[in-house]
C-alpha atoms as a PDB file:
ATOM      1  CA  MET A   1       0.000   0.000   0.000  1.00  0.00           C
ATOM      2  CA  GLY A   2       1.532   3.317  -1.050  1.00  0.00           C
ATOM      3  CA  ALA A   3       1.711   6.466   1.019  1.00  0.00           C
ATOM      4  CA  VAL A   4      -1.346   8.683   1.241  1.00  0.00           C
ATOM      5  CA  GLN A   5      -0.612  11.519  -1.203  1.00  0.00           C
ATOM      6  CA  TYR A   6      -1.793  15.084  -1.664  1.00  0.00           C
ATOM      7  CA  THR A   7      -3.549  16.234  -4.814  1.00  0.00           C
ATOM      8  CA  ALA A   8      -4.895  19.726  -5.433  1.00  0.00           C
ATOM      9  CA  GLY A   9      -8.497  20.080  -4.425  1.00  0.00           C
ATOM     10  CA  LYS A  10      -8.295  17.161  -1.983  1.00  0.00           C
ATOM     11  CA  MET A  11      -7.247  16.869   1.632  1.00  0.00           C
ATOM     12  CA  SER A  12      -3.595  16.455   2.542  1.00  0.00           C
ATOM     13  CA  ALA A  13      -2.657  14.064   5.312  1.00  0.00           C
ATOM     14  CA  ASN A  14       0.168  16.395   6.298  1.00  0.00           C
ATOM     15  CA  PRO A  15      -0.780  19.805   7.773  1.00  0.00           C
ATOM     16  CA  SER A  16       2.408  21.347   6.366  1.00  0.00           C
ATOM     17  CA  ASN A  17       0.947  20.993   2.877  1.00  0.00           C
ATOM     18  CA  LEU A  18      -1.697  23.605   3.632  1.00  0.00           C
ATOM     19  CA  VAL A  19      -1.297  27.295   2.829  1.00  0.00           C
ATOM     20  CA  HIS A  20       1.442  28.572   5.147  1.00  0.00           C
ATOM     21  CA  ASP A  21       0.202  31.656   6.959  1.00  0.00           C
ATOM     22  CA  SER A  22       3.638  32.812   8.147  1.00  0.00           C
ATOM     23  CA  GLN A  23       3.968  34.812   4.931  1.00  0.00           C
ATOM     24  CA  PHE A  24       1.890  37.332   6.903  1.00  0.00           C
ATOM     25  CA  PRO A  25       3.839  38.263  10.082  1.00  0.00           C
ATOM     26  CA  GLY A  26       1.745  37.487  13.160  1.00  0.00           C
ATOM     27  CA  ALA A  27      -1.134  35.970  11.177  1.00  0.00           C
ATOM     28  CA  ILE A  28      -2.561  32.636  12.332  1.00  0.00           C
ATOM     29  CA  ALA A  29      -5.096  32.136   9.524  1.00  0.00           C
ATOM     30  CA  THR A  30      -6.445  33.654   6.344  1.00  0.00           C
ATOM     31  CA  LEU A  31     -10.019  34.183   5.173  1.00  0.00           C
ATOM     32  CA  GLY A  32     -10.695  35.100   1.574  1.00  0.00           C
ATOM     33  CA  GLY A  33      -6.997  35.910   1.180  1.00  0.00           C
ATOM     34  CA  ARG A  34      -7.012  38.300   4.142  1.00  0.00           C
ATOM     35  CA  PRO A  35      -4.484  37.585   6.908  1.00  0.00           C
ATOM     36  CA  LEU A  36      -6.011  37.245  10.370  1.00  0.00           C
ATOM     37  CA  LEU A  37      -4.343  37.924  13.717  1.00  0.00           C
ATOM     38  CA  PRO A  38      -4.875  36.034  17.001  1.00  0.00           C
ATOM     39  CA  ASN A  39      -7.929  37.187  18.908  1.00  0.00           C
ATOM     40  CA  ARG A  40      -7.238  39.973  21.399  1.00  0.00           C
ATOM     41  CA  GLY A  41     -10.902  40.638  22.080  1.00  0.00           C
ATOM     42  CA  THR A  42     -12.891  43.827  21.570  1.00  0.00           C
ATOM     43  CA  PRO A  43     -15.085  46.047  23.750  1.00  0.00           C
ATOM     44  CA  LEU A  44     -18.563  44.614  24.196  1.00  0.00           C
ATOM     45  CA  ASP A  45     -20.822  45.836  21.386  1.00  0.00           C
ATOM     46  CA  LEU A  46     -24.412  45.405  22.552  1.00  0.00           C
ATOM     47  CA  ASN A  47     -25.797  46.645  19.229  1.00  0.00           C
ATOM     48  CA  TRP A  48     -23.994  43.811  17.440  1.00  0.00           C
ATOM     49  CA  ILE A  49     -25.391  41.284  19.923  1.00  0.00           C
ATOM     50  CA  GLN A  50     -28.948  42.546  19.604  1.00  0.00           C
ATOM     51  CA  GLU A  51     -28.807  42.465  15.818  1.00  0.00           C
ATOM     52  CA  VAL A  52     -27.881  38.760  15.715  1.00  0.00           C
ATOM     53  CA  ARG A  53     -30.561  36.708  13.973  1.00  0.00           C
ATOM     54  CA  VAL A  54     -30.657  33.028  12.989  1.00  0.00           C
ATOM     55  CA  ASN A  55     -32.951  31.435  10.404  1.00  0.00           C
ATOM     56  CA  THR A  56     -33.333  28.024  12.029  1.00  0.00           C
ATOM     57  CA  SER A  57     -34.934  26.252   9.056  1.00  0.00           C
ATOM     58  CA  ALA A  58     -32.215  27.537   6.712  1.00  0.00           C
ATOM     59  CA  VAL A  59     -29.494  26.416   9.109  1.00  0.00           C
ATOM     60  CA  GLU A  60     -31.010  22.945   9.377  1.00  0.00           C
ATOM     61  CA  ARG A  61     -31.281  22.645   5.575  1.00  0.00           C
ATOM     62  CA  ARG A  62     -27.660  23.711   5.105  1.00  0.00           C
ATOM     63  CA  ALA A  63     -26.420  21.325   7.815  1.00  0.00           C
ATOM     64  CA  ALA A  64     -28.365  18.457   6.231  1.00  0.00           C
ATOM     65  CA  THR A  65     -26.379  18.848   3.011  1.00  0.00           C
ATOM     66  CA  GLU A  66     -23.185  17.837   4.868  1.00  0.00           C
ATOM     67  CA  VAL A  67     -24.489  14.357   5.653  1.00  0.00           C
ATOM     68  CA  ALA A  68     -26.508  13.877   2.448  1.00  0.00           C
ATOM     69  CA  ARG A  69     -23.743  14.400  -0.100  1.00  0.00           C
ATOM     70  CA  ARG A  70     -21.390  11.677  -1.277  1.00  0.00           C
ATOM     71  CA  THR A  71     -18.335  11.514   0.966  1.00  0.00           C
ATOM     72  CA  VAL A  72     -14.686  11.296  -0.099  1.00  0.00           C
ATOM     73  CA  LYS A  73     -13.444   7.789  -0.874  1.00  0.00           C
ATOM     74  CA  LYS A  74     -10.310   5.643  -0.917  1.00  0.00           C
ATOM     75  CA  GLU A  75      -6.978   7.435  -0.446  1.00  0.00           C
ATOM     76  CA  TRP A  76      -8.704  10.793  -0.098  1.00  0.00           C
ATOM     77  CA  GLN A  77     -10.804   9.513   2.763  1.00  0.00           C
ATOM     78  CA  ALA A  78      -7.693   8.101   4.434  1.00  0.00           C
ATOM     79  CA  ALA A  79      -5.987  11.493   4.156  1.00  0.00           C
ATOM     80  CA  TRP A  80      -8.981  13.290   5.664  1.00  0.00           C
ATOM     81  CA  LEU A  81      -9.086  10.802   8.526  1.00  0.00           C
ATOM     82  CA  LEU A  82      -5.395  11.328   9.235  1.00  0.00           C
ATOM     83  CA  ARG A  83      -6.066  15.052   9.345  1.00  0.00           C
ATOM     84  CA  ALA A  84      -8.902  14.453  11.798  1.00  0.00           C
ATOM     85  CA  ILE A  85      -6.460  12.725  14.158  1.00  0.00           C
ATOM     86  CA  THR A  86      -4.121  15.738  14.094  1.00  0.00           C
ATOM     87  CA  CYS A  87      -7.072  17.948  15.095  1.00  0.00           C
ATOM     88  CA  MET A  88      -8.125  15.816  18.039  1.00  0.00           C
ATOM     89  CA  ASP A  89      -8.280  16.655  21.745  1.00  0.00           C
ATOM     90  CA  LEU A  90      -8.087  13.101  23.061  1.00  0.00           C
ATOM     91  CA  THR A  91     -10.140  13.274  26.235  1.00  0.00           C
ATOM     92  CA  THR A  92     -10.801  11.457  29.478  1.00  0.00           C
ATOM     93  CA  LEU A  93     -13.170  13.198  31.900  1.00  0.00           C
ATOM     94  CA  SER A  94     -14.630  10.367  33.948  1.00  0.00           C
ATOM     95  CA  GLY A  95     -15.172  10.185  37.665  1.00  0.00           C
ATOM     96  CA  ASP A  96     -13.024   7.064  37.818  1.00  0.00           C
ATOM     97  CA  ASP A  97      -9.995   8.509  35.992  1.00  0.00           C
ATOM     98  CA  THR A  98      -6.617   7.452  37.338  1.00  0.00           C
ATOM     99  CA  ASP A  99      -2.999   8.425  36.666  1.00  0.00           C
ATOM    100  CA  GLU A 100      -2.486   5.145  34.838  1.00  0.00           C
ATOM    101  CA  ARG A 101      -5.480   5.729  32.548  1.00  0.00           C
ATOM    102  CA  VAL A 102      -4.142   9.192  31.698  1.00  0.00           C
ATOM    103  CA  ARG A 103      -0.701   7.731  30.939  1.00  0.00           C
ATOM    104  CA  ARG A 104      -2.276   5.164  28.600  1.00  0.00           C
ATOM    105  CA  LEU A 105      -4.257   7.925  26.882  1.00  0.00           C
ATOM    106  CA  CYS A 106      -1.089   9.981  26.441  1.00  0.00           C
ATOM    107  CA  ALA A 107       0.691   6.963  24.961  1.00  0.00           C
ATOM    108  CA  LYS A 108      -2.161   6.544  22.489  1.00  0.00           C
ATOM    109  CA  GLY A 109      -2.017  10.259  21.658  1.00  0.00           C
ATOM    110  CA  ARG A 110       1.670   9.974  20.814  1.00  0.00           C
ATOM    111  CA  ASN A 111       1.069   6.916  18.627  1.00  0.00           C
ATOM    112  CA  PRO A 112      -2.604   7.048  17.629  1.00  0.00           C
ATOM    113  CA  ILE A 113      -2.316   4.488  14.830  1.00  0.00           C
ATOM    114  CA  GLN A 114      -0.956   0.971  15.287  1.00  0.00           C
ATOM    115  CA  SER A 115       2.529   0.640  13.836  1.00  0.00           C
ATOM    116  CA  GLU A 116       1.593  -2.080  11.357  1.00  0.00           C
ATOM    117  CA  ILE A 117      -1.166   0.124   9.923  1.00  0.00           C
ATOM    118  CA  VAL A 118       1.257   3.062   9.678  1.00  0.00           C
ATOM    119  CA  GLN A 119       3.679   0.866   7.743  1.00  0.00           C
ATOM    120  CA  LYS A 120       0.999  -0.446   5.386  1.00  0.00           C
ATOM    121  CA  LEU A 121      -0.142   3.122   4.680  1.00  0.00           C
ATOM    122  CA  GLY A 122       3.445   4.275   4.137  1.00  0.00           C
ATOM    123  CA  ILE A 123       3.020   7.339   6.355  1.00  0.00           C
ATOM    124  CA  GLU A 124       5.883   6.915   8.808  1.00  0.00           C
ATOM    125  CA  GLN A 125       7.366  10.271   7.788  1.00  0.00           C
ATOM    126  CA  LEU A 126       4.202  12.184   8.674  1.00  0.00           C
ATOM    127  CA  GLY A 127       4.576  11.622  12.408  1.00  0.00           C
ATOM    128  CA  ILE A 128       0.805  11.670  12.969  1.00  0.00           C
ATOM    129  CA  LYS A 129      -0.211  12.505  16.544  1.00  0.00           C
ATOM    130  CA  VAL A 130      -3.156  14.157  18.288  1.00  0.00           C
ATOM    131  CA  ALA A 131      -3.215  17.890  19.027  1.00  0.00           C
ATOM    132  CA  ALA A 132      -3.853  17.671  22.782  1.00  0.00           C
ATOM    133  CA  ILE A 133      -4.787  15.496  25.718  1.00  0.00           C
ATOM    134  CA  CYS A 134      -7.702  16.902  27.733  1.00  0.00           C
ATOM    135  CA  VAL A 135      -7.964  16.010  31.433  1.00  0.00           C
ATOM    136  CA  TYR A 136      -9.112  17.260  34.813  1.00  0.00           C
ATOM    137  CA  HIS A 137      -6.737  19.566  36.709  1.00  0.00           C
ATOM    138  CA  THR A 138      -5.692  16.697  38.990  1.00  0.00           C
ATOM    139  CA  PHE A 139      -3.986  14.956  36.070  1.00  0.00           C
ATOM    140  CA  VAL A 140      -2.249  17.918  34.395  1.00  0.00           C
ATOM    141  CA  GLU A 141       1.190  17.057  35.796  1.00  0.00           C
ATOM    142  CA  THR A 142       0.760  13.367  34.978  1.00  0.00           C
ATOM    143  CA  ALA A 143      -0.096  14.230  31.375  1.00  0.00           C
ATOM    144  CA  LEU A 144       2.777  16.699  31.049  1.00  0.00           C
ATOM    145  CA  GLU A 145       5.249  14.077  32.203  1.00  0.00           C
ATOM    146  CA  ALA A 146       3.835  11.425  29.872  1.00  0.00           C
ATOM    147  CA  LEU A 147       3.879  13.797  26.875  1.00  0.00           C
ATOM    148  CA  GLU A 148       7.308  15.346  27.434  1.00  0.00           C
ATOM    149  CA  GLY A 149       9.070  16.027  24.149  1.00  0.00           C
ATOM    150  CA  SER A 150       6.063  15.072  22.013  1.00  0.00           C
ATOM    151  CA  GLY A 151       4.791  18.547  21.188  1.00  0.00           C
ATOM    152  CA  ILE A 152       1.282  17.470  22.214  1.00  0.00           C
ATOM    153  CA  HIS A 153      -0.491  20.040  24.357  1.00  0.00           C
ATOM    154  CA  VAL A 154      -2.157  19.409  27.703  1.00  0.00           C
ATOM    155  CA  ALA A 155      -5.632  20.901  28.081  1.00  0.00           C
ATOM    156  CA  ALA A 156      -7.357  21.164  31.462  1.00  0.00           C
ATOM    157  CA  VAL A 157     -11.091  21.591  31.982  1.00  0.00           C
ATOM    158  CA  SER A 158     -11.770  24.263  34.547  1.00  0.00           C
ATOM    159  CA  THR A 159     -14.223  26.767  36.091  1.00  0.00           C
ATOM    160  CA  GLY A 160     -16.425  24.252  37.870  1.00  0.00           C
ATOM    161  CA  PHE A 161     -16.663  21.918  34.889  1.00  0.00           C
ATOM    162  CA  PRO A 162     -19.197  20.825  33.707  1.00  0.00           C
ATOM    163  CA  ALA A 163     -21.899  22.986  35.362  1.00  0.00           C
ATOM    164  CA  GLY A 164     -19.849  26.160  35.858  1.00  0.00           C
ATOM    165  CA  LEU A 165     -21.875  27.139  38.914  1.00  0.00           C
ATOM    166  CA  SER A 166     -19.193  27.489  41.595  1.00  0.00           C
ATOM    167  CA  PRO A 167     -18.367  31.030  42.807  1.00  0.00           C
ATOM    168  CA  LEU A 168     -16.490  33.155  40.275  1.00  0.00           C
ATOM    169  CA  ALA A 169     -13.438  33.591  42.512  1.00  0.00           C
ATOM    170  CA  GLU A 170     -13.102  29.822  42.847  1.00  0.00           C
ATOM    171  CA  ARG A 171     -13.384  29.322  39.095  1.00  0.00           C
ATOM    172  CA  VAL A 172     -10.718  31.929  38.383  1.00  0.00           C
ATOM    173  CA  ALA A 173      -8.451  30.387  41.024  1.00  0.00           C
ATOM    174  CA  GLU A 174      -8.940  26.975  39.419  1.00  0.00           C
ATOM    175  CA  ILE A 175      -7.704  28.347  36.086  1.00  0.00           C
ATOM    176  CA  ARG A 176      -4.623  29.822  37.718  1.00  0.00           C
ATOM    177  CA  ARG A 177      -3.787  26.538  39.429  1.00  0.00           C
ATOM    178  CA  SER A 178      -3.932  24.648  36.133  1.00  0.00           C
ATOM    179  CA  VAL A 179      -1.793  27.273  34.376  1.00  0.00           C
ATOM    180  CA  GLU A 180       0.739  27.144  37.206  1.00  0.00           C
ATOM    181  CA  ALA A 181       0.786  23.352  36.900  1.00  0.00           C
ATOM    182  CA  GLY A 182       1.799  23.751  33.249  1.00  0.00           C
ATOM    183  CA  ALA A 183      -1.423  23.346  31.230  1.00  0.00           C
ATOM    184  CA  HIS A 184      -1.085  24.794  27.733  1.00  0.00           C
ATOM    185  CA  GLU A 185      -4.839  25.175  27.199  1.00  0.00           C
ATOM    186  CA  ILE A 186      -7.801  25.784  29.484  1.00  0.00           C
ATOM    187  CA  ASP A 187     -11.371  24.759  28.611  1.00  0.00           C
ATOM    188  CA  VAL A 188     -13.689  27.048  30.602  1.00  0.00           C
ATOM    189  CA  VAL A 189     -17.450  26.834  31.167  1.00  0.00           C
ATOM    190  CA  ILE A 190     -19.761  29.834  30.988  1.00  0.00           C
ATOM    191  CA  THR A 191     -22.695  30.589  33.274  1.00  0.00           C
ATOM    192  CA  ARG A 192     -25.591  29.608  31.022  1.00  0.00           C
ATOM    193  CA  ALA A 193     -28.036  31.700  33.066  1.00  0.00           C
ATOM    194  CA  HIS A 194     -26.342  34.863  31.753  1.00  0.00           C
ATOM    195  CA  VAL A 195     -27.412  33.808  28.251  1.00  0.00           C
ATOM    196  CA  PHE A 196     -30.971  32.973  29.265  1.00  0.00           C
ATOM    197  CA  GLY A 197     -31.340  36.368  30.949  1.00  0.00           C
ATOM    198  CA  GLY A 198     -29.626  38.329  28.187  1.00  0.00           C
ATOM    199  CA  ARG A 199     -27.022  39.538  30.689  1.00  0.00           C
ATOM    200  CA  TRP A 200     -24.358  40.072  28.063  1.00  0.00           C
ATOM    201  CA  GLN A 201     -22.211  42.416  30.132  1.00  0.00           C
ATOM    202  CA  ALA A 202     -22.067  39.849  32.945  1.00  0.00           C
ATOM    203  CA  LEU A 203     -21.159  37.091  30.480  1.00  0.00           C
ATOM    204  CA  TYR A 204     -18.504  39.275  28.856  1.00  0.00           C
ATOM    205  CA  ASP A 205     -16.975  40.219  32.215  1.00  0.00           C
ATOM    206  CA  GLU A 206     -16.916  36.585  33.340  1.00  0.00           C
ATOM    207  CA  ILE A 207     -15.125  35.366  30.214  1.00  0.00           C
ATOM    208  CA  ALA A 208     -12.727  38.318  30.279  1.00  0.00           C
ATOM    209  CA  ALA A 209     -11.796  37.387  33.868  1.00  0.00           C
ATOM    210  CA  PHE A 210     -11.166  33.813  32.726  1.00  0.00           C
ATOM    211  CA  LYS A 211      -8.997  35.089  29.870  1.00  0.00           C
ATOM    212  CA  GLN A 212      -6.889  37.201  32.204  1.00  0.00           C
ATOM    213  CA  ALA A 213      -6.357  34.223  34.503  1.00  0.00           C
ATOM    214  CA  CYS A 214      -5.293  32.061  31.539  1.00  0.00           C
ATOM    215  CA  GLY A 215      -2.333  34.296  30.786  1.00  0.00           C
ATOM    216  CA  ALA A 216      -0.369  32.745  27.919  1.00  0.00           C
ATOM    217  CA  ALA A 217      -2.473  29.558  27.927  1.00  0.00           C
ATOM    218  CA  HIS A 218      -5.067  29.289  25.155  1.00  0.00           C
ATOM    219  CA  MET A 219      -8.651  29.600  26.351  1.00  0.00           C
ATOM    220  CA  LYS A 220     -11.415  27.467  24.852  1.00  0.00           C
ATOM    221  CA  VAL A 221     -14.859  28.736  25.913  1.00  0.00           C
ATOM    222  CA  ILE A 222     -17.491  26.014  26.325  1.00  0.00           C
ATOM    223  CA  LEU A 223     -20.974  27.375  25.621  1.00  0.00           C
ATOM    224  CA  GLY A 224     -22.943  24.282  26.633  1.00  0.00           C
ATOM    225  CA  THR A 225     -25.039  24.640  23.490  1.00  0.00           C
ATOM    226  CA  GLY A 226     -27.348  21.775  24.409  1.00  0.00           C
ATOM    227  CA  ASP A 227     -28.551  23.883  27.338  1.00  0.00           C
ATOM    228  CA  LEU A 228     -28.953  27.190  25.459  1.00  0.00           C
ATOM    229  CA  MET A 229     -32.358  26.309  23.965  1.00  0.00           C
ATOM    230  CA  THR A 230     -32.178  28.357  20.718  1.00  0.00           C
ATOM    231  CA  LEU A 231     -29.709  28.828  17.894  1.00  0.00           C
ATOM    232  CA  ARG A 232     -29.958  32.590  18.387  1.00  0.00           C
ATOM    233  CA  ASN A 233     -28.737  32.140  21.956  1.00  0.00           C
ATOM    234  CA  VAL A 234     -25.854  30.051  20.594  1.00  0.00           C
ATOM    235  CA  ALA A 235     -24.937  32.756  18.077  1.00  0.00           C
ATOM    236  CA  ARG A 236     -25.096  35.576  20.606  1.00  0.00           C
ATOM    237  CA  ALA A 237     -23.095  33.684  23.218  1.00  0.00           C
ATOM    238  CA  SER A 238     -20.488  32.901  20.533  1.00  0.00           C
ATOM    239  CA  VAL A 239     -20.057  36.565  19.654  1.00  0.00           C
ATOM    240  CA  VAL A 240     -19.798  37.653  23.290  1.00  0.00           C
ATOM    241  CA  ALA A 241     -17.193  34.962  23.986  1.00  0.00           C
ATOM    242  CA  MET A 242     -15.090  36.124  21.049  1.00  0.00           C
ATOM    243  CA  MET A 243     -15.385  39.770  22.062  1.00  0.00           C
ATOM    244  CA  ALA A 244     -14.175  38.782  25.539  1.00  0.00           C
ATOM    245  CA  GLY A 245     -11.028  37.205  24.100  1.00  0.00           C
ATOM    246  CA  ALA A 246     -11.761  33.513  23.457  1.00  0.00           C
ATOM    247  CA  ASP A 247      -9.058  31.707  21.475  1.00  0.00           C
ATOM    248  CA  PHE A 248     -11.573  28.943  20.668  1.00  0.00           C
ATOM    249  CA  ILE A 249     -15.295  28.584  21.082  1.00  0.00           C
ATOM    250  CA  LYS A 250     -16.474  25.067  21.940  1.00  0.00           C
ATOM    251  CA  THR A 251     -19.925  23.530  21.691  1.00  0.00           C
ATOM    252  CA  SER A 252     -20.280  21.366  24.758  1.00  0.00           C
ATOM    253  CA  THR A 253     -18.827  19.802  27.859  1.00  0.00           C
ATOM    254  CA  GLY A 254     -19.841  16.373  26.591  1.00  0.00           C
ATOM    255  CA  LYS A 255     -22.039  15.996  29.663  1.00  0.00           C
ATOM    256  CA  GLU A 256     -25.205  17.672  28.328  1.00  0.00           C
ATOM    257  CA  THR A 257     -28.138  15.651  27.004  1.00  0.00           C
ATOM    258  CA  VAL A 258     -27.460  17.100  23.534  1.00  0.00           C
ATOM    259  CA  ASN A 259     -23.860  17.875  22.611  1.00  0.00           C
ATOM    260  CA  ALA A 260     -22.250  18.812  19.281  1.00  0.00           C
ATOM    261  CA  THR A 261     -24.618  18.915  16.312  1.00  0.00           C
ATOM    262  CA  LEU A 262     -24.039  20.176  12.788  1.00  0.00           C
ATOM    263  CA  PRO A 263     -26.694  22.944  12.970  1.00  0.00           C
ATOM    264  CA  VAL A 264     -25.165  24.332  16.179  1.00  0.00           C
ATOM    265  CA  SER A 265     -21.692  24.020  14.683  1.00  0.00           C
ATOM    266  CA  LEU A 266     -22.764  25.868  11.534  1.00  0.00           C
ATOM    267  CA  VAL A 267     -24.101  28.761  13.617  1.00  0.00           C
ATOM    268  CA  MET A 268     -20.887  28.979  15.641  1.00  0.00           C
ATOM    269  CA  VAL A 269     -18.643  28.706  12.572  1.00  0.00           C
ATOM    270  CA  ARG A 270     -20.518  31.477  10.794  1.00  0.00           C
ATOM    271  CA  ALA A 271     -20.210  33.624  13.915  1.00  0.00           C
ATOM    272  CA  ILE A 272     -16.443  33.023  13.731  1.00  0.00           C
ATOM    273  CA  ARG A 273     -16.450  34.017  10.066  1.00  0.00           C
ATOM    274  CA  GLU A 274     -18.399  37.243  10.703  1.00  0.00           C
ATOM    275  CA  TYR A 275     -16.157  38.112  13.651  1.00  0.00           C
ATOM    276  CA  ALA A 276     -13.071  37.617  11.447  1.00  0.00           C
ATOM    277  CA  GLN A 277     -14.546  39.793   8.718  1.00  0.00           C
ATOM    278  CA  GLN A 278     -15.431  42.555  11.173  1.00  0.00           C
ATOM    279  CA  THR A 279     -12.286  42.539  13.326  1.00  0.00           C
ATOM    280  CA  GLY A 280      -9.484  40.908  11.340  1.00  0.00           C
ATOM    281  CA  MET A 281      -8.981  38.350  14.141  1.00  0.00           C
ATOM    282  CA  ALA A 282      -9.301  34.572  13.981  1.00  0.00           C
ATOM    283  CA  VAL A 283     -10.962  32.296  16.568  1.00  0.00           C
ATOM    284  CA  GLY A 284     -10.770  28.504  16.581  1.00  0.00           C
ATOM    285  CA  PHE A 285     -13.659  26.053  16.859  1.00  0.00           C
ATOM    286  CA  LYS A 286     -14.079  22.840  18.855  1.00  0.00           C
ATOM    287  CA  PRO A 287     -17.126  20.579  18.566  1.00  0.00           C
ATOM    288  CA  ALA A 288     -17.243  18.156  21.501  1.00  0.00           C
ATOM    289  CA  GLY A 289     -19.493  15.355  22.645  1.00  0.00           C
ATOM    290  CA  GLY A 290     -21.277  12.772  20.516  1.00  0.00           C
ATOM    291  CA  ILE A 291     -18.780  12.691  17.630  1.00  0.00           C
ATOM    292  CA  ARG A 292     -17.910   8.991  17.637  1.00  0.00           C
ATOM    293  CA  THR A 293     -17.547   7.813  14.037  1.00  0.00           C
ATOM    294  CA  ALA A 294     -15.075   8.421  11.252  1.00  0.00           C
ATOM    295  CA  LYS A 295     -17.945   9.472   8.976  1.00  0.00           C
ATOM    296  CA  GLN A 296     -18.965  12.175  11.459  1.00  0.00           C
ATOM    297  CA  SER A 297     -15.433  13.548  11.555  1.00  0.00           C
ATOM    298  CA  LEU A 298     -15.561  13.924   7.756  1.00  0.00           C
ATOM    299  CA  ASP A 299     -18.834  15.844   8.055  1.00  0.00           C
ATOM    300  CA  TRP A 300     -17.269  18.367  10.432  1.00  0.00           C
ATOM    301  CA  LEU A 301     -14.051  18.711   8.423  1.00  0.00           C
ATOM    302  CA  GLY A 302     -16.129  19.336   5.307  1.00  0.00           C
ATOM    303  CA  LEU A 303     -18.115  22.000   7.127  1.00  0.00           C
ATOM    304  CA  MET A 304     -14.920  23.773   8.238  1.00  0.00           C
ATOM    305  CA  LYS A 305     -13.377  23.670   4.764  1.00  0.00           C
ATOM    306  CA  GLU A 306     -16.497  25.042   3.093  1.00  0.00           C
ATOM    307  CA  GLU A 307     -17.315  27.731   5.655  1.00  0.00           C
ATOM    308  CA  LEU A 308     -13.859  28.933   6.739  1.00  0.00           C
ATOM    309  CA  GLY A 309     -11.344  27.427   4.344  1.00  0.00           C
ATOM    310  CA  ASP A 310      -8.112  25.511   4.609  1.00  0.00           C
ATOM    311  CA  SER A 311      -6.608  27.782   7.280  1.00  0.00           C
ATOM    312  CA  TRP A 312      -8.972  26.239   9.833  1.00  0.00           C
ATOM    313  CA  LEU A 313      -8.118  22.642   8.940  1.00  0.00           C
ATOM    314  CA  ARG A 314      -5.260  22.558  11.444  1.00  0.00           C
ATOM    315  CA  GLY A 315      -5.017  21.714  15.102  1.00  0.00           C
ATOM    316  CA  GLU A 316      -4.157  25.347  15.795  1.00  0.00           C
ATOM    317  CA  MET A 317      -7.640  26.391  14.641  1.00  0.00           C
ATOM    318  CA  PHE A 318      -9.889  23.334  14.863  1.00  0.00           C
ATOM    319  CA  ARG A 319     -10.268  20.521  17.372  1.00  0.00           C
ATOM    320  CA  PHE A 320     -12.500  17.537  17.928  1.00  0.00           C
ATOM    321  CA  GLY A 321     -13.277  16.913  21.591  1.00  0.00           C
ATOM    322  CA  ALA A 322     -13.360  13.134  21.521  1.00  0.00           C
ATOM    323  CA  SER A 323     -12.755   9.907  23.386  1.00  0.00           C
ATOM    324  CA  GLY A 324     -14.250   7.132  21.246  1.00  0.00           C
ATOM    325  CA  LEU A 325     -13.687   8.755  17.832  1.00  0.00           C
ATOM    326  CA  LEU A 326     -10.060   7.706  17.469  1.00  0.00           C
ATOM    327  CA  GLY A 327     -10.864   3.995  17.699  1.00  0.00           C
ATOM    328  CA  ASP A 328     -13.284   4.143  14.778  1.00  0.00           C
ATOM    329  CA  ILE A 329     -10.906   6.234  12.656  1.00  0.00           C
ATOM    330  CA  GLU A 330      -8.116   3.723  13.259  1.00  0.00           C
ATOM    331  CA  ARG A 331     -10.470   0.896  12.292  1.00  0.00           C
ATOM    332  CA  GLN A 332     -11.363   2.646   9.023  1.00  0.00           C
ATOM    333  CA  LEU A 333      -7.685   3.218   8.228  1.00  0.00           C
ATOM    334  CA  ASP A 334      -7.038  -0.461   8.907  1.00  0.00           C
ATOM    335  CA  HIS A 335      -9.793  -1.308   6.424  1.00  0.00           C
ATOM    336  CA  TYR A 336      -8.250   0.972   3.810  1.00  0.00           C
ATOM    337  CA  ALA A 337      -4.833  -0.647   4.332  1.00  0.00           C
ATOM    338  CA  THR A 338      -6.001  -4.293   4.362  1.00  0.00           C
ATOM    339  CA  GLY A 339      -9.409  -4.373   2.688  1.00  0.00           C
ATOM    340  CA  ARG A 340     -10.924  -5.986   5.790  1.00  0.00           C
ATOM    341  CA  TYR A 341     -12.784  -4.620   8.801  1.00  0.00           C
ATOM    342  CA  SER A 342     -11.192  -5.626  12.079  1.00  0.00           C
ATOM    343  CA  ALA A 343     -13.040  -6.096  15.363  1.00  0.00           C
ATOM    344  CA  GLU A 344     -13.554  -2.941  17.430  1.00  0.00           C
ATOM    345  CA  TYR A 345     -11.759  -4.445  20.419  1.00  0.00           C
ATOM    346  CA  ARG A 346      -8.538  -4.412  18.401  1.00  0.00           C
ATOM    347  CA  HIS A 347      -8.513  -0.616  18.505  1.00  0.00           C
ATOM    348  CA  PRO A 348      -8.655   0.430  22.165  1.00  0.00           C
ATOM    349  CA  VAL A 349      -8.019   4.082  23.053  1.00  0.00           C
ATOM    350  CA  ALA A 350      -6.813   3.697  26.654  1.00  0.00           C
END
């Protein structure tokens, strides 16, 4: 089996084959040929928030086209699936987590595809690995030790995850502890009640306080979209989070009844696009919860490519929050390499 190759118009397995944004000093992405800077936030613009509208039926129709169209096949599918792995926050957020489970997860993150499959695909030179390992604060130091020298980031969930209802001072202190422990990224949870009540200033101030506590660590703002009731609430919360300095906006904690969906993701991605057009600053996107199959990962990658372009098809700008997804992707790659489907138990994550 030959190496997965790049061809114009298709997906490359290697992120370095994408448009290199360093031709624009300080830029982290481009949109329509325009270089975009990292998000520094903006003053809260209540007029912008109030003017946000969402046509729910149109959003649902557009999202339905992602799953209805014919998907990529053969070597192109393999390349897209490899890209999905490089955009993955491999996650364990269970009440029974242990240091040993986190170490096993980190080992899988460093080598997400079994060596024999890598050899059959001919992709040894790509050095495929996940973007980050996402854990509770308790396991930040364990993950850092297990990932030393790999270049894989450690992300810590914080701010009273998953409910986000502990006192603000405690949530801010929790962020600082994780940053001091060495976490590269912090996934914070908003107070959903601020959205329900239209208390945009309170939401903005809360997220801005989280951002200040994060310091140099990247902040991913979890909106808990399954709890927000309407797509308009999702859109407005997305804009406020970006104005307050979010590096990423994220759909869900993974603990809600409804987690990442394509309609919600479309609304958030278009909010990112409008924010980039208005401010010249780029914000990343992370769908999390319920994305378990290789086919689903292709749906989300397709959405990102069509709505935001190739600049967002990198771990720096797009992440999957996932635990079970990697096993199915590895199984599909095994099928591509051998022509046979292997049993699921042969592809454990941790």
